[in-house]
């Protein structure tokens, strides 16, 4: 004889299984990340943090931009990002001291405002490559970002 309870159990199991699989996939593909920021003592303005996830866009305008108030970062020099997908990433951060929304450079292209890169530093002949400034998620849980004047 037919029973509605049996049908709901049979339908419920696949749905529960799919929900559990989705939860497992989301837990695996999203990872927490901490960015420990070192700021110059005399810096004022806003911190612009740009995240790049590929070599072609590195140092261009296609990165993901977040702006932070320096006063907030001085008290808590760690930026916490809860959900980062697996992949290769590089960070570039600069302090916009004159609040014009861009990284000011001199005639030679050298930054006038404090700047920092994940994993690597600015070299004598320019910024690091994407490869030198990048890290792997999930392999990396914490990144140091030292922002300096040049």
Protein backbone atom coordinates (compact mmCIF):
# COMPACT_ATOMS: atom_id res chain seq x y z
CA UNK A 1 0.00 0.00 0.00
CA UNK A 2 1.17 3.53 -0.78
CA UNK A 3 2.34 5.77 2.09
CA UNK A 4 3.14 9.49 1.72
CA UNK A 5 5.77 9.15 4.45
CA UNK A 6 7.84 6.74 2.37
CA UNK A 7 7.84 9.04 -0.65
CA UNK A 8 8.93 12.09 1.37
CA UNK A 9 11.82 10.08 2.84
CA UNK A 10 12.98 8.94 -0.58
CA UNK A 11 12.78 12.48 -2.01
CA UNK A 12 14.34 14.01 1.10
CA UNK A 13 17.54 11.94 1.00
CA UNK A 14 18.75 13.11 -2.44
CA UNK A 15 17.94 16.73 -1.57
CA UNK A 16 19.85 16.46 1.72
CA UNK A 17 22.77 14.83 -0.12
CA UNK A 18 22.87 17.66 -2.68
CA UNK A 19 22.78 20.30 0.07
CA UNK A 20 25.62 18.54 1.93
CA UNK A 21 27.67 18.33 -1.28
CA UNK A 22 27.15 22.04 -1.99
CA UNK A 23 28.18 22.93 1.57
CA UNK A 24 31.31 20.80 1.22
CA UNK A 25 32.21 22.42 -2.10
CA UNK A 26 31.71 25.93 -0.70
CA UNK A 27 33.81 25.09 2.37
CA UNK A 28 36.63 23.83 0.14
CA UNK A 29 36.56 26.70 -2.37
CA UNK A 30 36.37 29.61 0.10
CA UNK A 31 39.27 30.18 2.48
CA UNK A 32 40.00 32.83 5.11
CA UNK A 33 42.99 35.14 4.58
CA UNK A 34 44.68 37.67 6.85
CA UNK A 35 46.72 40.55 5.44
CA UNK A 36 49.11 41.95 8.04
CA UNK A 37 49.76 45.56 7.08
CA UNK A 38 52.85 47.59 8.05
CA UNK A 39 52.28 51.30 7.51
CA UNK A 40 54.79 54.16 7.39
CA UNK A 41 54.54 56.18 10.61
CA UNK A 42 53.86 59.52 8.97
CA UNK A 43 51.36 58.37 6.33
CA UNK A 44 48.00 60.10 6.01
CA UNK A 45 45.07 59.53 3.66
CA UNK A 46 43.42 56.30 2.56
CA UNK A 47 44.85 52.88 1.82
CA UNK A 48 43.92 51.47 -1.58
CA UNK A 49 44.21 47.67 -1.73
CA UNK A 50 44.03 46.04 -5.16
CA UNK A 51 43.75 42.26 -5.60
CA UNK A 52 44.88 40.71 -8.89
CA UNK A 53 44.14 37.11 -9.85
CA UNK A 54 46.06 36.87 -13.13
CA UNK A 55 49.28 37.99 -14.78
CA UNK A 56 47.60 39.86 -17.65
CA UNK A 57 45.79 42.30 -15.34
CA UNK A 58 48.62 42.79 -12.81
CA UNK A 59 49.28 46.49 -12.10
CA UNK A 60 46.46 47.48 -14.42
CA UNK A 61 42.98 48.79 -13.73
CA UNK A 62 41.19 45.42 -13.68
CA UNK A 63 42.03 44.38 -10.13
CA UNK A 64 39.46 44.26 -7.33
CA UNK A 65 39.74 47.50 -5.34
CA UNK A 66 38.97 48.07 -1.65
CA UNK A 67 39.60 51.36 0.17
CA UNK A 68 40.40 51.56 3.92
CA UNK A 69 40.72 54.50 6.29
CA UNK A 70 44.25 54.67 7.72
CA UNK A 71 42.97 55.56 11.19
CA UNK A 72 41.16 52.20 11.33
CA UNK A 73 44.24 50.28 10.15
CA UNK A 74 46.59 51.90 12.66
CA UNK A 75 44.57 50.44 15.53
CA UNK A 76 43.99 47.06 13.82
CA UNK A 77 46.78 46.46 11.26
CA UNK A 78 45.25 43.23 9.99
CA UNK A 79 42.74 43.05 7.15
CA UNK A 80 40.64 39.89 7.34
CA UNK A 81 39.00 38.47 4.25
CA UNK A 82 36.58 35.66 5.06
CA UNK A 83 36.05 34.00 1.69
CA UNK A 84 38.82 33.77 -0.88
CA UNK A 85 38.41 31.29 -3.72
CA UNK A 86 41.22 28.92 -4.63
CA UNK A 87 43.70 30.44 -7.05
CA UNK A 88 46.79 32.59 -7.47
CA UNK A 89 46.65 36.17 -6.15
CA UNK A 90 48.86 39.24 -5.82
CA UNK A 91 48.14 42.36 -3.74
CA UNK A 92 49.23 45.90 -4.40
CA UNK A 93 48.49 48.61 -1.85
CA UNK A 94 49.21 52.30 -1.84
CA UNK A 95 48.40 55.20 0.42
CA UNK A 96 46.66 58.07 -1.32
CA UNK A 97 48.07 60.89 0.79
CA UNK A 98 46.57 63.74 -1.24
CA UNK A 99 43.17 62.01 -1.65
CA UNK A 100 43.05 62.31 -5.45
CA UNK A 101 42.18 58.61 -5.98
CA UNK A 102 45.35 57.68 -7.90
CA UNK A 103 48.91 56.59 -7.18
CA UNK A 104 50.99 59.68 -7.92
CA UNK A 105 54.32 59.10 -9.69
CA UNK A 106 57.24 61.29 -10.69
CA UNK A 107 58.43 61.78 -14.27
CA UNK A 108 60.35 58.49 -14.17
CA UNK A 109 57.29 56.55 -13.01
CA UNK A 110 58.55 56.12 -9.44
CA UNK A 111 55.73 56.30 -6.88
CA UNK A 112 55.56 59.53 -4.87
CA UNK A 113 53.21 57.94 -2.35
CA UNK A 114 53.85 54.88 -0.13
CA UNK A 115 53.29 51.55 -1.89
CA UNK A 116 53.61 47.85 -1.05
CA UNK A 117 53.31 44.46 -2.76
CA UNK A 118 52.40 41.04 -1.43
CA UNK A 119 55.30 38.63 -0.99
CA UNK A 120 57.84 40.84 -2.80
CA UNK A 121 59.11 44.41 -2.62
CA UNK A 122 59.64 47.17 -5.14
CA UNK A 123 62.99 46.64 -6.82
CA UNK A 124 65.56 49.10 -8.12
CA UNK A 125 64.17 48.72 -11.63
CA UNK A 126 60.46 48.71 -10.86
CA UNK A 127 57.74 46.64 -9.29
CA UNK A 128 57.95 42.86 -8.91
CA UNK A 129 56.41 40.56 -11.51
CA UNK A 130 53.06 38.89 -10.87
CA UNK A 131 54.92 35.62 -10.29
CA UNK A 132 57.16 37.15 -7.61
CA UNK A 133 54.29 39.01 -5.89
CA UNK A 134 51.75 36.17 -5.97
CA UNK A 135 50.74 33.42 -3.59
CA UNK A 136 48.47 30.38 -3.69
CA UNK A 137 45.16 29.90 -1.95
CA UNK A 138 44.56 27.57 -0.10
CA UNK A 139 48.29 27.25 0.62
CA UNK A 140 48.53 30.74 2.12
CA UNK A 141 46.59 31.82 5.19
CA UNK A 142 48.45 35.02 6.03
CA UNK A 143 50.19 37.65 3.89
CA UNK A 144 52.51 40.44 5.03
CA UNK A 145 52.11 43.70 3.19
CA UNK A 146 54.82 46.27 3.97
CA UNK A 147 54.00 49.71 2.62
CA UNK A 148 57.05 51.93 2.10
CA UNK A 149 58.14 55.22 0.57
CA UNK A 150 60.53 55.19 -2.37
